[in-house]
């Protein structure tokens, strides 16, 4: 069977390839004294809180399982709008919110609606690998620009200006970022958007970890800067609804019409049950639980990063959000006599039974020198993983 040439431009999602290998080994060591610990997938160990689960059950029992509007339930769009007002003090009208089948669908819809074939979208290296592919599928050209610890592994307005060409359409950024957990300073983000918009470009910002910000400086939505910024968000991370596949995009009203047209044709509407369940995310008891969990994620970060530094990994920028540690493994590779982060990943997996993610997924500039650890696992697992790494690297 002939496969479309586009597929040749889509690299494998290496985190999933590693996950398959880790799962296979996990089955083999499941009954040993060292079962596999998974620090490779960015998925909270928490699931949807009780009110959300109960809302889903009520929806099913009440038969609320049929198609919704392509842009989502009006009630859910209003709830999201109110959340922006209450949490961030920003007025985001519900009419500018499109509920989507996860943040991935939101990113794909935004790229399809706004990027012409051949146009370039600038993004940092390292960054979430699928972002490149969303641009590619839309016919655009992703341009990865190496970023440094001094830049918080983010793009700056100066660096964007340096790489801007006649083909540039805009930027696709993430704050906080996967894999680094770092955010863009609001002042720098304003400079970025001012430059991009002055050149007729678009600013797309992935804010799916925004609810999991730990520092006041960075815990602000980019929507407070301009109503022309396209913001992507999700119920997966802060709201702990990963498998429910529900997200949203906030866009200027003319872009909303284009995104709605695409939604109607590509997948009709998001899951009705997931939407009815998500209404309960914004209940006071649910928000209180999410805030308790956010504090727990911060506690895990504060414990685990010093443990990594202790055994030889170096985290050049302490993450201010999300649940990742982007760790330089150069010294550890030397000590274990392995070539790079890819080989080190499998060495740690086989010898310590700890699954991690190599830098290869997230870019090319420094991929061989970095590993991503997820701190979304329980404190118990993080403590055991730290002990195993210490034993391995004695």
Protein backbone atom coordinates (compact mmCIF):
# COMPACT_ATOMS: atom_id res chain seq x y z
CA UNK A 1 0.00 0.00 0.00
CA UNK A 2 1.29 3.46 -0.88
CA UNK A 3 1.71 5.73 2.13
CA UNK A 4 1.49 9.52 1.78
CA UNK A 5 4.88 11.25 1.59
CA UNK A 6 3.80 13.53 4.43
CA UNK A 7 4.28 10.61 6.83
CA UNK A 8 8.00 10.54 6.00
CA UNK A 9 8.27 14.02 7.56
CA UNK A 10 6.70 12.89 10.84
CA UNK A 11 9.32 11.53 13.22
CA UNK A 12 8.39 8.81 15.71
CA UNK A 13 7.25 10.01 19.13
CA UNK A 14 10.26 8.60 20.95
CA UNK A 15 8.72 8.94 24.40
CA UNK A 16 6.17 6.37 23.27
CA UNK A 17 8.86 4.13 21.79
CA UNK A 18 10.71 4.22 25.11
CA UNK A 19 7.44 3.63 26.94
CA UNK A 20 6.87 0.43 24.97
CA UNK A 21 10.32 -0.84 25.89
CA UNK A 22 9.76 0.15 29.52
CA UNK A 23 6.40 -1.64 29.60
CA UNK A 24 7.96 -4.81 28.25
CA UNK A 25 10.71 -4.75 30.87
CA UNK A 26 8.13 -3.86 33.54
CA UNK A 27 6.29 -7.12 32.83
CA UNK A 28 9.53 -9.05 33.21
CA UNK A 29 10.45 -7.48 36.57
CA UNK A 30 6.96 -7.04 37.99
CA UNK A 31 7.44 -9.65 40.69
CA UNK A 32 11.02 -8.79 41.62
CA UNK A 33 12.22 -6.58 44.44
CA UNK A 34 12.67 -3.73 41.93
CA UNK A 35 9.50 -3.29 39.84
CA UNK A 36 9.63 -0.61 37.17
CA UNK A 37 9.15 3.01 38.20
CA UNK A 38 7.82 5.22 35.41
CA UNK A 39 9.21 8.76 35.34
CA UNK A 40 8.90 9.04 31.57
CA UNK A 41 5.28 9.99 30.87
CA UNK A 42 3.86 13.42 31.65
CA UNK A 43 0.66 12.15 33.22
CA UNK A 44 -0.48 13.05 36.74
CA UNK A 45 -0.89 10.10 39.09
CA UNK A 46 -4.09 11.83 40.22
CA UNK A 47 -7.29 11.12 38.32
CA UNK A 48 -10.42 13.25 37.99
CA UNK A 49 -11.74 14.24 41.45
CA UNK A 50 -15.04 12.85 42.80
CA UNK A 51 -17.37 15.62 41.60
CA UNK A 52 -16.08 15.23 38.04
CA UNK A 53 -16.54 11.47 38.07
CA UNK A 54 -20.02 11.83 39.50
CA UNK A 55 -20.95 14.38 36.83
CA UNK A 56 -19.87 11.95 34.11
CA UNK A 57 -22.02 9.20 35.60
CA UNK A 58 -25.02 11.50 35.80
CA UNK A 59 -24.55 12.51 32.17
CA UNK A 60 -24.52 8.89 31.03
CA UNK A 61 -27.57 7.97 33.12
CA UNK A 62 -29.44 11.03 31.87
CA UNK A 63 -28.65 10.23 28.24
CA UNK A 64 -26.53 13.34 27.72
CA UNK A 65 -24.34 11.51 25.25
CA UNK A 66 -25.38 13.01 21.93
CA UNK A 67 -23.60 15.56 19.75
CA UNK A 68 -22.98 18.99 21.22
CA UNK A 69 -22.22 22.21 19.37
CA UNK A 70 -18.99 21.93 17.39
CA UNK A 71 -17.43 24.60 19.63
CA UNK A 72 -18.58 22.87 22.82
CA UNK A 73 -21.33 23.23 25.39
CA UNK A 74 -22.31 26.84 25.99
CA UNK A 75 -22.30 26.16 29.73
CA UNK A 76 -18.73 24.83 29.63
CA UNK A 77 -17.48 27.77 27.57
CA UNK A 78 -19.03 30.08 30.17
CA UNK A 79 -17.38 28.16 33.01
CA UNK A 80 -13.99 28.49 31.34
CA UNK A 81 -14.60 32.21 30.80
CA UNK A 82 -15.43 32.63 34.48
CA UNK A 83 -12.28 30.70 35.47
CA UNK A 84 -10.12 33.19 33.57
CA UNK A 85 -11.84 36.06 35.34
CA UNK A 86 -11.63 34.54 38.82
CA UNK A 87 -8.13 33.07 38.64
CA UNK A 88 -6.31 35.52 36.39
CA UNK A 89 -8.47 38.64 36.43
CA UNK A 90 -8.79 38.54 32.63
CA UNK A 91 -11.99 39.06 30.63
CA UNK A 92 -12.18 36.25 28.05
CA UNK A 93 -15.65 36.18 26.47
CA UNK A 94 -17.11 32.70 26.05
CA UNK A 95 -17.64 33.38 22.34
CA UNK A 96 -13.85 33.34 21.86
CA UNK A 97 -13.49 29.88 23.44
CA UNK A 98 -13.68 26.67 21.41
CA UNK A 99 -13.76 23.41 23.36
CA UNK A 100 -11.72 20.75 21.56
CA UNK A 101 -10.79 17.07 21.71
CA UNK A 102 -7.73 17.72 23.83
CA UNK A 103 -5.04 20.37 23.47
CA UNK A 104 -3.60 18.37 20.57
CA UNK A 105 -6.74 18.98 18.54
CA UNK A 106 -6.64 22.65 19.54
CA UNK A 107 -3.07 23.01 18.26
CA UNK A 108 -3.88 21.18 15.05
CA UNK A 109 -6.98 23.29 14.42
CA UNK A 110 -5.08 26.53 15.07
CA UNK A 111 -2.30 25.55 12.65
CA UNK A 112 -4.72 24.43 9.95
CA UNK A 113 -6.72 27.64 10.30
CA UNK A 114 -3.79 30.07 10.36
CA UNK A 115 -0.76 28.60 8.56
CA UNK A 116 -0.38 28.52 4.78
CA UNK A 117 1.80 25.92 3.00
CA UNK A 118 5.45 26.95 3.04
CA UNK A 119 5.12 29.45 5.88
CA UNK A 120 7.50 29.16 8.81
CA UNK A 121 6.57 28.86 12.46
CA UNK A 122 9.39 29.57 14.91
CA UNK A 123 9.66 27.57 18.14
CA UNK A 124 12.33 26.88 20.74
CA UNK A 125 14.62 23.88 20.84
CA UNK A 126 13.87 22.08 23.17
CA UNK A 127 10.10 21.93 22.87
CA UNK A 128 7.22 19.45 22.72
CA UNK A 129 7.87 17.31 19.61
CA UNK A 130 4.30 17.17 18.33
CA UNK A 131 4.26 20.96 17.91
CA UNK A 132 6.55 20.57 14.90
CA UNK A 133 4.23 17.99 13.40
CA UNK A 134 1.09 20.10 13.83
CA UNK A 135 2.82 22.75 11.71
CA UNK A 136 4.03 20.17 9.18
CA UNK A 137 0.56 18.65 8.73
CA UNK A 138 -0.77 22.14 8.00
CA UNK A 139 1.84 22.48 5.25
CA UNK A 140 4.04 24.84 7.20
CA UNK A 141 7.72 24.63 8.07
CA UNK A 142 8.65 24.33 11.75
CA UNK A 143 11.86 26.19 12.57
CA UNK A 144 13.53 25.08 15.80
CA UNK A 145 15.76 27.74 17.33
CA UNK A 146 18.24 26.60 20.01
CA UNK A 147 17.57 28.18 23.39
CA UNK A 148 19.85 28.35 26.40
CA UNK A 149 19.57 28.16 30.19
CA UNK A 150 20.18 31.92 30.31
CA UNK A 151 17.00 32.27 28.23
CA UNK A 152 15.16 29.78 30.45
CA UNK A 153 15.14 27.44 27.43
CA UNK A 154 12.61 29.81 25.84
CA UNK A 155 12.72 32.10 22.82
CA UNK A 156 13.36 35.80 23.26
CA UNK A 157 12.17 38.70 21.15
CA UNK A 158 15.77 39.34 20.08
CA UNK A 159 16.28 35.77 18.94
CA UNK A 160 12.97 35.74 17.07
CA UNK A 161 13.95 38.98 15.30
CA UNK A 162 17.27 37.39 14.36
CA UNK A 163 15.57 34.40 12.71
CA UNK A 164 12.54 36.18 11.23
CA UNK A 165 12.32 35.96 7.41
CA UNK A 166 9.84 36.79 4.68
CA UNK A 167 8.46 33.25 5.09
CA UNK A 168 7.84 33.63 8.84
CA UNK A 169 4.21 33.37 9.85
CA UNK A 170 4.59 33.44 13.61
CA UNK A 171 5.70 31.62 16.73
CA UNK A 172 4.49 28.59 18.65
CA UNK A 173 5.61 28.77 22.28
CA UNK A 174 4.77 26.99 25.53
CA UNK A 175 4.70 28.51 29.00
CA UNK A 176 5.28 26.54 31.21
CA UNK A 177 7.11 24.31 28.77
CA UNK A 178 7.35 20.61 28.20
CA UNK A 179 10.12 19.36 28.67
CA UNK A 180 11.72 22.09 30.79
CA UNK A 181 8.93 23.24 33.10
CA UNK A 182 10.09 26.83 32.54
CA UNK A 183 7.95 29.84 31.66
CA UNK A 184 8.46 32.99 29.65
CA UNK A 185 8.67 36.15 31.74
CA UNK A 186 5.55 38.29 31.07
CA UNK A 187 7.69 41.27 30.01
CA UNK A 188 9.57 39.14 27.49
CA UNK A 189 6.35 37.62 26.20
CA UNK A 190 4.97 41.10 25.61
CA UNK A 191 8.09 42.03 23.63
CA UNK A 192 7.74 38.83 21.61
CA UNK A 193 4.12 39.48 20.76
CA UNK A 194 4.78 43.12 19.92
CA UNK A 195 7.49 42.11 17.46
CA UNK A 196 5.50 39.28 15.89
CA UNK A 197 2.29 41.28 15.53
CA UNK A 198 4.18 44.29 14.10
CA UNK A 199 5.35 41.97 11.32
CA UNK A 200 1.85 40.67 10.63
CA UNK A 201 2.49 37.38 12.42
CA UNK A 202 0.62 35.23 14.91
CA UNK A 203 1.51 34.25 18.47
CA UNK A 204 0.31 30.78 19.47
CA UNK A 205 0.93 29.89 23.10
CA UNK A 206 0.53 26.46 24.64
CA UNK A 207 -0.64 27.14 28.23
CA UNK A 208 -1.73 23.64 29.20
CA UNK A 209 0.47 23.70 32.34
CA UNK A 210 -0.55 27.22 33.33
CA UNK A 211 -2.63 25.99 36.26
CA UNK A 212 0.48 24.24 37.59
CA UNK A 213 2.58 27.38 38.02
CA UNK A 214 4.45 27.64 41.31
CA UNK A 215 5.77 31.22 41.22
CA UNK A 216 3.74 34.42 41.18
CA UNK A 217 5.99 35.97 38.54
CA UNK A 218 5.00 33.41 35.93
CA UNK A 219 1.48 32.36 36.88
CA UNK A 220 -0.32 34.66 34.41
CA UNK A 221 -2.08 33.90 31.16
CA UNK A 222 -0.79 35.51 27.98
CA UNK A 223 -4.37 36.57 27.29
CA UNK A 224 -3.77 39.46 29.68
CA UNK A 225 -1.30 40.85 27.13
CA UNK A 226 -3.45 40.84 24.01
CA UNK A 227 -6.72 39.46 22.71
CA UNK A 228 -4.88 38.60 19.48
CA UNK A 229 -2.80 35.87 21.12
CA UNK A 230 -4.04 32.33 20.44
CA UNK A 231 -3.95 30.41 23.72
CA UNK A 232 -4.20 26.62 23.95
CA UNK A 233 -5.27 24.92 27.18
CA UNK A 234 -6.37 21.51 28.40
CA UNK A 235 -8.28 19.60 31.04
CA UNK A 236 -5.49 17.00 31.12
CA UNK A 237 -2.82 18.46 33.37
CA UNK A 238 -4.11 20.83 36.08
CA UNK A 239 -7.58 19.27 35.90
CA UNK A 240 -6.23 15.68 35.84
CA UNK A 241 -8.44 14.45 32.97
CA UNK A 242 -5.80 13.02 30.61
CA UNK A 243 -7.76 10.20 28.97
CA UNK A 244 -10.94 12.21 28.69
CA UNK A 245 -9.37 14.08 25.74
CA UNK A 246 -10.75 17.55 26.34
CA UNK A 247 -9.11 20.93 25.82
CA UNK A 248 -9.83 24.36 24.45
CA UNK A 249 -8.46 27.20 22.38
CA UNK A 250 -9.01 30.92 22.91
CA UNK A 251 -8.74 32.89 19.69
CA UNK A 252 -9.84 36.18 18.09
CA UNK A 253 -13.43 35.98 16.95
CA UNK A 254 -12.68 35.78 13.21
CA UNK A 255 -10.33 32.86 13.87
CA UNK A 256 -13.00 31.15 15.98
CA UNK A 257 -15.26 30.98 12.91
CA UNK A 258 -12.50 29.29 10.91
CA UNK A 259 -11.74 26.83 13.72
CA UNK A 260 -15.44 26.02 14.09
CA UNK A 261 -15.66 25.17 10.39
CA UNK A 262 -12.70 22.81 10.70
CA UNK A 263 -14.14 21.18 13.83
CA UNK A 264 -17.46 20.51 12.11
CA UNK A 265 -15.68 18.69 9.31
CA UNK A 266 -12.84 16.93 11.14
CA UNK A 267 -14.53 15.46 14.22
CA UNK A 268 -17.97 17.12 14.62
CA UNK A 269 -17.62 17.90 18.35
CA UNK A 270 -15.69 16.94 21.49
CA UNK A 271 -16.90 14.11 23.73
CA UNK A 272 -20.26 15.00 25.22
CA UNK A 273 -19.69 12.98 28.40
CA UNK A 274 -16.27 14.57 28.97
CA UNK A 275 -17.78 18.04 28.56
CA UNK A 276 -20.59 17.42 31.03
CA UNK A 277 -18.05 16.00 33.48
CA UNK A 278 -15.73 19.00 33.03
CA UNK A 279 -18.45 21.37 34.23
CA UNK A 280 -17.74 20.01 37.71
CA UNK A 281 -14.05 20.95 37.47
CA UNK A 282 -14.97 24.51 38.40
CA UNK A 283 -16.95 23.69 41.54
CA UNK A 284 -15.32 25.18 44.68
CA UNK A 285 -14.63 21.72 46.13
CA UNK A 286 -12.94 20.62 42.90
CA UNK A 287 -10.81 23.76 42.69
CA UNK A 288 -9.77 23.26 46.33
CA UNK A 289 -8.68 19.71 45.49
CA UNK A 290 -6.76 20.87 42.42
CA UNK A 291 -4.94 23.45 44.50
CA UNK A 292 -4.03 20.78 47.07
CA UNK A 293 -2.65 18.67 44.24
CA UNK A 294 -0.74 21.62 42.81
CA UNK A 295 0.97 22.05 46.18
CA UNK A 296 1.83 18.35 46.13
CA UNK A 297 3.41 18.64 42.67
CA UNK A 298 5.51 21.53 43.96
CA UNK A 299 6.57 19.45 46.97
CA UNK A 300 7.69 16.67 44.65
CA UNK A 301 9.68 19.13 42.55
CA UNK A 302 11.35 20.55 45.63
CA UNK A 303 12.35 17.07 46.76
CA UNK A 304 13.44 15.46 43.51
CA UNK A 305 15.58 18.10 41.82
CA UNK A 306 18.10 18.26 44.70
CA UNK A 307 18.24 14.47 44.56
CA UNK A 308 19.16 14.61 40.87
CA UNK A 309 21.87 17.19 41.55
CA UNK A 310 23.17 15.01 44.37
CA UNK A 311 23.87 12.01 42.09
CA UNK A 312 25.41 13.95 39.18
CA UNK A 313 22.59 15.26 37.04
CA UNK A 314 22.41 19.04 36.61
CA UNK A 315 19.15 20.94 36.24
CA UNK A 316 20.32 24.31 34.82
CA UNK A 317 16.95 26.05 35.30
CA UNK A 318 14.69 25.08 38.18
CA UNK A 319 11.22 24.57 36.68
CA UNK A 320 8.62 27.11 37.79
CA UNK A 321 5.69 25.00 36.61
CA UNK A 322 4.47 21.67 35.20
CA UNK A 323 6.05 18.46 36.55
CA UNK A 324 9.32 17.96 34.69
CA UNK A 325 13.03 18.23 35.32
CA UNK A 326 15.19 18.89 32.23
CA UNK A 327 18.50 17.48 33.41
CA UNK A 328 21.95 17.68 31.85
CA UNK A 329 23.31 14.13 31.95
CA UNK A 330 26.78 14.81 30.49
CA UNK A 331 28.63 13.92 33.70
CA UNK A 332 26.50 10.84 34.33
CA UNK A 333 27.14 9.55 30.80
CA UNK A 334 30.89 9.84 31.42
CA UNK A 335 30.66 8.03 34.72
CA UNK A 336 28.69 5.14 33.25
CA UNK A 337 30.68 5.06 30.02
CA UNK A 338 27.71 5.56 27.68
CA UNK A 339 27.59 7.72 24.60
CA UNK A 340 24.61 10.01 25.14
CA UNK A 341 21.21 10.48 26.72
CA UNK A 342 19.60 7.89 24.45
CA UNK A 343 21.96 5.14 25.58
CA UNK A 344 21.77 6.39 29.17
CA UNK A 345 17.98 6.10 29.12
CA UNK A 346 18.17 2.39 28.41
CA UNK A 347 21.04 1.90 30.84
CA UNK A 348 18.96 3.43 33.66
CA UNK A 349 15.93 1.43 32.59
CA UNK A 350 17.76 -1.91 32.54
CA UNK A 351 19.96 -1.47 35.60
CA UNK A 352 17.84 0.68 37.93
CA UNK A 353 14.39 -0.16 36.54
CA UNK A 354 13.54 3.53 36.24
CA UNK A 355 11.97 4.71 32.98
CA UNK A 356 12.93 8.22 31.81
CA UNK A 357 12.76 10.10 28.50
CA UNK A 358 15.81 10.92 26.37
CA UNK A 359 16.30 14.40 24.94
CA UNK A 360 15.93 13.15 21.36
CA UNK A 361 12.18 13.76 21.44
CA UNK A 362 12.46 17.44 22.21
CA UNK A 363 14.94 18.84 19.73
CA UNK A 364 18.35 18.45 18.17
CA UNK A 365 20.52 21.22 19.60
CA UNK A 366 21.37 19.59 22.95
CA UNK A 367 19.32 16.42 22.76
CA UNK A 368 22.28 14.13 23.38
CA UNK A 369 23.07 15.87 26.69
CA UNK A 370 19.65 15.98 28.34
CA UNK A 371 17.09 13.67 29.89
CA UNK A 372 13.57 14.57 30.98
CA UNK A 373 12.35 13.28 34.30
CA UNK A 374 8.63 13.46 35.08
CA UNK A 375 7.78 14.28 38.69
CA UNK A 376 4.10 13.48 38.15
CA UNK A 377 4.55 10.18 39.99
CA UNK A 378 3.92 9.72 43.70
CA UNK A 379 6.41 10.90 46.30
CA UNK A 380 6.96 7.26 47.25
CA UNK A 381 8.00 6.43 43.68
CA UNK A 382 10.22 9.50 43.46
CA UNK A 383 11.99 8.55 46.68
CA UNK A 384 12.55 5.00 45.49
CA UNK A 385 13.77 6.23 42.10
CA UNK A 386 16.20 8.62 43.78
CA UNK A 387 17.57 5.78 45.89
CA UNK A 388 18.04 3.54 42.85
CA UNK A 389 19.80 6.29 40.90
CA UNK A 390 22.12 6.89 43.84
CA UNK A 391 22.96 3.18 44.03
CA UNK A 392 23.57 3.03 40.28
CA UNK A 393 25.87 6.05 40.28
CA UNK A 394 27.91 5.36 43.43
